[in-house]
Protein backbone atom coordinates (compact mmCIF):
# COMPACT_ATOMS: atom_id res chain seq x y z
CA MET A 1 2.23 9.70 26.52
CA LYS A 2 3.70 13.18 25.83
CA LYS A 3 4.40 14.79 22.56
CA ASP A 4 8.05 14.82 23.28
CA ASN A 5 8.55 11.27 23.80
CA LEU A 6 6.72 10.29 20.53
CA PRO A 7 9.15 8.28 18.28
CA LYS A 8 10.34 9.44 14.77
CA LYS A 9 10.46 6.35 13.22
CA LEU A 10 7.95 3.04 13.87
CA ALA A 11 7.73 -0.56 12.97
CA VAL A 12 4.60 -0.78 10.92
CA PHE A 13 2.14 -3.79 10.90
CA PRO A 14 0.15 -3.76 7.70
CA LEU A 15 -2.77 -5.83 8.56
CA SER A 16 -5.70 -6.29 5.98
CA ASN A 17 -9.19 -5.51 7.52
CA PHE A 18 -7.99 -4.48 10.61
CA ILE A 19 -7.94 -0.98 12.21
CA ILE A 20 -7.11 0.20 15.75
CA PHE A 21 -8.46 3.59 16.88
CA PRO A 22 -6.83 5.84 19.65
CA LYS A 23 -8.08 5.11 23.08
CA THR A 24 -9.27 1.39 22.19
CA THR A 25 -7.41 -1.71 23.12
CA VAL A 26 -7.60 -4.88 20.77
CA PRO A 27 -6.17 -8.54 21.35
CA LEU A 28 -3.74 -9.72 18.30
CA ASN A 29 -2.67 -13.14 17.90
CA ILE A 30 1.12 -13.07 16.39
CA PHE A 31 2.59 -16.12 14.36
CA GLU A 32 4.21 -14.86 11.40
CA PRO A 33 8.18 -15.10 11.95
CA ARG A 34 8.77 -11.42 10.73
CA TYR A 35 5.89 -9.86 13.08
CA ILE A 36 7.30 -12.30 16.12
CA ASP A 37 10.60 -10.48 15.36
CA MET A 38 8.75 -7.20 15.30
CA ILE A 39 7.12 -7.86 18.65
CA ASN A 40 10.39 -8.97 20.28
CA ASP A 41 12.23 -5.69 19.17
CA SER A 42 9.39 -3.53 20.39
CA MET A 43 9.16 -5.28 23.90
CA LYS A 44 13.01 -4.50 24.29
CA SER A 45 12.38 -0.97 23.39
CA ASN A 46 9.25 1.40 23.88
CA LYS A 47 6.60 -1.41 23.13
CA LEU A 48 5.22 0.75 20.49
CA VAL A 49 3.88 -0.43 17.07
CA GLY A 50 2.30 1.14 14.16
CA MET A 51 -0.83 -0.37 12.76
CA ILE A 52 -1.78 0.46 9.31
CA GLN A 53 -3.82 -0.81 6.41
CA PRO A 54 -2.17 -2.00 3.42
CA LYS A 55 -3.83 -1.00 -0.09
CA LEU A 56 -5.47 -4.02 -1.59
CA LEU A 57 -4.77 -3.65 -5.33
CA LYS A 58 -6.60 -6.23 -7.47
CA ASN A 59 -4.47 -8.93 -9.02
CA SER A 60 -1.75 -8.12 -6.76
CA SER A 61 0.26 -10.68 -4.71
CA ASP A 62 2.81 -8.28 -3.64
CA ASP A 63 4.56 -9.21 -0.50
CA THR A 64 5.25 -5.68 0.17
CA PRO A 65 2.12 -3.73 -0.50
CA GLN A 66 1.60 -0.21 -0.80
CA LEU A 67 0.47 1.35 2.59
CA HIS A 68 -2.25 3.86 3.46
CA GLU A 69 -0.84 7.10 4.45
CA ILE A 70 -2.52 7.11 8.04
CA GLY A 71 -2.48 4.62 10.66
CA CYS A 72 -2.65 4.27 14.41
CA MET A 73 0.36 3.89 16.84
CA GLY A 74 -0.52 1.22 19.64
CA LYS A 75 1.47 0.27 22.74
CA ILE A 76 1.78 -3.23 23.92
CA THR A 77 -0.17 -3.45 27.14
CA SER A 78 -0.50 -7.37 27.63
CA PHE A 79 1.95 -9.96 26.32
CA LYS A 80 1.80 -13.64 26.53
CA GLU A 81 3.70 -16.53 24.62
CA THR A 82 1.73 -19.67 23.87
CA GLU A 83 2.97 -23.12 23.73
CA ASN A 84 3.05 -23.13 19.97
CA SER A 85 5.44 -20.03 20.11
CA ARG A 86 2.72 -17.55 18.93
CA TYR A 87 2.16 -14.28 20.75
CA LEU A 88 -0.96 -13.07 22.25
CA ILE A 89 -0.96 -9.26 22.77
CA GLU A 90 -3.19 -6.42 23.72
CA LEU A 91 -2.60 -3.22 21.77
CA LYS A 92 -3.91 0.10 22.93
CA GLY A 93 -4.24 2.61 20.53
CA ILE A 94 -2.23 5.81 21.34
CA ILE A 95 -2.14 8.26 18.47
CA ARG A 96 -2.53 8.21 14.61
CA PHE A 97 0.25 8.97 12.54
CA LYS A 98 1.21 9.87 8.88
CA ILE A 99 3.75 7.97 7.14
CA GLN A 100 6.53 10.34 5.83
CA LYS A 101 8.82 7.80 4.26
CA GLU A 102 9.67 4.01 4.54
CA ILE A 103 12.91 3.11 5.83
CA GLN A 104 15.16 0.41 4.08
CA SER A 105 16.63 -2.05 6.60
CA SER A 106 17.65 -5.57 6.76
CA LYS A 107 14.85 -6.26 9.18
CA LYS A 108 12.26 -8.56 8.04
CA TYR A 109 9.47 -6.18 9.17
CA ARG A 110 8.74 -2.69 7.58
CA GLU A 111 9.70 0.45 9.42
CA CYS A 112 8.70 3.97 8.33
CA GLU A 113 9.56 7.54 9.24
CA ILE A 114 6.34 9.09 10.65
CA ASN A 115 4.95 12.22 11.78
CA PHE A 116 2.04 12.95 14.28
CA GLU A 117 1.83 16.70 13.68
CA SER A 118 -1.90 16.63 12.72
CA TYR A 119 -3.07 14.29 15.62
CA PHE A 120 -1.68 15.69 18.82
CA GLU A 121 -5.43 15.84 19.92
CA ASP A 122 -5.35 12.16 20.30
CA LEU A 123 -3.25 12.28 23.33
CA GLU A 124 -5.64 14.61 25.14
CA ASN A 125 -8.33 13.41 27.38
CA LYS A 126 -10.20 16.87 27.20
CA LYS A 127 -14.11 16.85 27.53
CA GLU A 128 -15.64 17.00 24.05
CA ASP A 129 -18.36 19.59 23.42
CA ILE A 130 -20.45 16.88 21.72
CA LYS A 131 -23.30 15.77 23.99
CA PHE A 132 -24.73 12.12 24.29
CA SER A 133 -27.92 13.64 23.33
CA ASP A 134 -26.56 14.68 20.09
CA LEU A 135 -25.34 11.22 19.44
CA GLU A 136 -28.87 9.41 20.18
CA LEU A 137 -29.73 9.25 16.73
CA ILE A 138 -26.40 7.83 15.51
CA PHE A 139 -26.41 5.31 18.22
CA LYS A 140 -29.95 4.32 17.58
CA ASP A 141 -29.21 3.74 14.03
CA LEU A 142 -25.99 2.15 14.63
CA LYS A 143 -27.64 -0.15 17.18
CA SER A 144 -30.16 -1.24 14.76
CA LEU A 145 -27.28 -2.09 12.33
CA PHE A 146 -25.28 -3.91 14.85
CA GLU A 147 -28.29 -5.84 15.62
CA LYS A 148 -29.15 -6.81 12.12
CA ARG A 149 -25.84 -7.96 11.46
CA GLY A 150 -25.80 -10.09 14.46
CA PHE A 151 -23.21 -7.84 16.27
CA ILE A 152 -23.73 -7.80 19.99
CA ILE A 153 -22.54 -4.78 22.09
CA ASN A 154 -22.62 -3.85 25.66
CA TRP A 155 -24.26 -0.43 25.19
CA LYS A 156 -24.59 0.08 29.14
CA ALA A 157 -20.70 -0.33 29.34
CA LEU A 158 -19.84 1.95 26.69
CA GLU A 159 -22.01 4.78 28.16
CA LYS A 160 -19.85 4.67 30.99
CA GLN A 161 -16.69 5.55 28.76
CA SER A 162 -15.70 8.73 27.74
CA LEU A 163 -17.13 10.11 24.54
CA ASP A 164 -14.04 9.67 22.12
CA GLU A 165 -13.53 6.09 23.73
CA THR A 166 -17.24 5.28 22.79
CA ILE A 167 -17.17 6.69 19.32
CA ASN A 168 -13.91 5.36 18.54
CA ALA A 169 -14.73 1.74 19.66
CA LEU A 170 -18.15 1.91 17.81
CA ALA A 171 -16.22 2.95 14.86
CA MET A 172 -13.87 -0.05 15.12
CA ALA A 173 -16.16 -2.76 16.02
CA SER A 174 -18.89 -1.60 13.54
CA PRO A 175 -19.82 -3.70 10.49
CA PHE A 176 -18.66 -0.89 8.10
CA THR A 177 -16.51 -1.72 5.32
CA ILE A 178 -12.86 -1.54 5.63
CA GLU A 179 -12.68 1.50 3.36
CA GLU A 180 -15.29 3.27 5.42
CA LYS A 181 -13.37 2.48 8.71
CA GLN A 182 -10.19 4.17 7.05
CA VAL A 183 -12.12 7.21 6.27
CA LEU A 184 -13.30 7.24 10.05
CA LEU A 185 -9.68 6.71 11.09
CA GLU A 186 -8.58 9.60 8.94
CA ALA A 187 -11.28 11.91 10.29
CA LYS A 188 -9.54 15.09 11.87
CA ASN A 189 -11.26 15.07 14.89
CA LEU A 190 -14.34 13.44 16.92
CA ASN A 191 -17.03 15.84 15.56
CA VAL A 192 -15.86 14.92 11.98
CA ARG A 193 -15.72 11.37 12.99
CA LYS A 194 -19.38 11.64 14.42
CA THR A 195 -20.51 13.24 11.17
CA LYS A 196 -19.00 10.59 9.05
CA ILE A 197 -20.50 7.75 11.12
CA ALA A 198 -23.85 9.43 10.35
CA GLU A 199 -23.12 9.75 6.70
CA ILE A 200 -22.04 6.01 6.37
CA LEU A 201 -25.13 5.01 8.37
CA THR A 202 -27.40 6.90 5.79
CA THR A 203 -26.17 4.40 3.22
CA TYR A 204 -27.00 1.55 5.48
CA SER A 205 -30.51 2.61 6.41
CA PHE A 206 -32.23 1.10 3.41
CA ASP A 207 -32.95 -2.52 3.69
CA GLN A 208 -32.13 -4.36 0.60
CA TYR A 209 -33.85 -7.34 1.70
CA ASN A 210 -37.50 -6.39 2.04
CA ASN A 211 -37.08 -2.64 0.60
CA THR A 212 -38.08 -1.04 4.14
CA THR A 213 -36.05 1.47 6.15
CA ILE A 214 -34.54 -0.04 9.17
CA GLN A 215 -36.72 1.08 12.30
């Protein structure tokens, strides 16, 4: 997708505990009527949807929660309707966005005016300066954490991807908290994201159960 084709407004899908990163693809099961509407409208136009984290405030049952400022726009790359009128879609992360303001409309789902200015790098497929050798320690620690939490990752398959695809996929799939993943999403570029992953991992490297460092 080119800069000139980016939309000025976007339907946003506030989904708790779910973050999509650029250059990653995720499956979604859509069943709420308002989001069925949103997917229908999106499929008729540009197939674009904004994934964003709601801010979870304590003791709040608000149906329209406050939103984080930064989310990621995805494009629907696969669409299937099930027998019970649910939609199974695949969404590919394209570029991060910042919400400028919410648009008031009669639609059941939420729409926002958005800005992509800080994130045009997400559209590029340039070769990063970071080498895999620089990441070996991060991957080693991350692998330990994944395995300790029972996560299974096909590391060989990851190594065949581009570096940004790999880092974003690991950031998205990692057993980090949703707040930590939001920090990774907001990281300006890949270098910063790599550093943030390393910082977060240091807080996990101490094993609380037997007081030994994860090897």
